[in-house]
Amino acid sequence: MNAALISTKTTETLSECALTTLATPRLTVRSPLLEDAEPLFAIFSDPVAMQYWSSAPHTDIAQTGDFLQGMMSIPYDVGEE
């Protein structure tokens, strides 16, 4: 097998690693930041936006901050279960 295709495990989390930012005129994909809590709360607190989500709408920005910190603590090469 090509050595370039073999990945190695790491303990870096999303908040610790420098992932590439992908940008187009209409969309930017990057690693999450703690500063994202406020705009995410605007979405996560909206009942219409959350109607098909796996949890109820957030009622406090602290819930969104906890969600964001949990997401950022997952090793980037492991992902969610």
Protein backbone atom coordinates (compact mmCIF):
# COMPACT_ATOMS: atom_id res chain seq x y z
CA MET A 1 0.00 0.00 0.00
CA ASN A 2 1.14 3.52 -0.75
CA ALA A 3 2.69 5.01 2.43
CA ALA A 4 1.07 8.36 1.65
CA LEU A 5 -2.37 6.77 2.08
CA ILE A 6 -1.62 5.40 5.54
CA SER A 7 -2.66 7.71 8.35
CA THR A 8 -1.28 7.68 11.85
CA LYS A 9 -3.31 8.21 15.00
CA THR A 10 -2.80 11.43 16.89
CA THR A 11 -4.19 12.95 20.03
CA GLU A 12 -4.58 16.43 18.57
CA THR A 13 -8.07 17.83 18.94
CA LEU A 14 -9.78 20.23 16.59
CA SER A 15 -8.83 23.12 18.83
CA GLU A 16 -5.15 22.08 18.85
CA CYS A 17 -4.50 21.27 15.22
CA ALA A 18 -4.16 23.57 12.28
CA LEU A 19 -6.50 22.20 9.66
CA THR A 20 -6.73 23.67 6.21
CA THR A 21 -9.39 26.30 5.64
CA LEU A 22 -11.46 25.72 2.53
CA ALA A 23 -13.07 28.82 1.08
CA THR A 24 -15.34 29.55 -1.84
CA PRO A 25 -17.22 32.78 -2.62
CA ARG A 26 -20.27 31.46 -0.71
CA LEU A 27 -18.84 29.14 1.96
CA THR A 28 -15.87 28.85 4.29
CA VAL A 29 -15.11 25.57 6.08
CA ARG A 30 -12.67 25.78 8.98
CA SER A 31 -12.03 24.38 12.43
CA PRO A 32 -14.46 25.57 15.11
CA LEU A 33 -13.53 28.40 17.47
CA LEU A 34 -14.93 29.33 20.88
CA GLU A 35 -16.02 32.62 19.29
CA ASP A 36 -18.50 30.59 17.22
CA ALA A 37 -20.75 30.07 20.28
CA GLU A 38 -22.85 33.20 19.72
CA PRO A 39 -23.70 32.63 16.04
CA LEU A 40 -24.25 28.91 16.71
CA PHE A 41 -26.61 29.75 19.57
CA ALA A 42 -28.71 31.76 17.11
CA ILE A 43 -29.21 28.53 15.15
CA PHE A 44 -29.31 26.03 18.02
CA SER A 45 -31.94 28.06 19.91
CA ASP A 46 -34.28 28.22 16.89
CA PRO A 47 -37.04 25.57 17.20
CA VAL A 48 -37.56 25.45 13.44
CA ALA A 49 -33.86 24.92 12.73
CA MET A 50 -33.65 22.26 15.45
CA GLN A 51 -36.83 20.32 14.68
CA TYR A 52 -34.92 17.40 13.11
CA TRP A 53 -31.82 17.65 15.33
CA SER A 54 -31.01 15.00 17.92
CA SER A 55 -31.62 17.38 20.85
CA ALA A 56 -34.07 20.09 21.86
CA PRO A 57 -33.32 23.72 21.04
CA HIS A 58 -30.75 25.31 23.33
CA THR A 59 -32.21 27.64 25.93
CA ASP A 60 -28.93 29.16 27.11
CA ILE A 61 -25.72 30.10 25.32
CA ALA A 62 -23.84 28.02 27.92
CA GLN A 63 -25.39 24.89 26.34
CA THR A 64 -24.00 25.93 22.98
CA GLY A 65 -20.61 26.67 24.54
CA ASP A 66 -20.57 23.21 26.15
CA PHE A 67 -21.52 21.61 22.81
CA LEU A 68 -18.78 23.54 21.04
CA GLN A 69 -16.12 22.67 23.63
CA GLY A 70 -17.15 19.00 23.47
CA MET A 71 -16.89 19.02 19.69
CA MET A 72 -13.51 20.73 19.82
CA SER A 73 -12.15 18.17 22.31
CA ILE A 74 -12.71 15.21 19.98
CA PRO A 75 -9.46 14.08 18.32
CA TYR A 76 -9.78 15.22 14.72
CA ASP A 77 -8.85 11.83 13.30
CA VAL A 78 -11.39 9.94 15.43
CA GLY A 79 -14.65 11.82 14.95
CA GLU A 80 -17.89 11.32 16.81
CA GLU A 81 -19.35 7.95 17.67
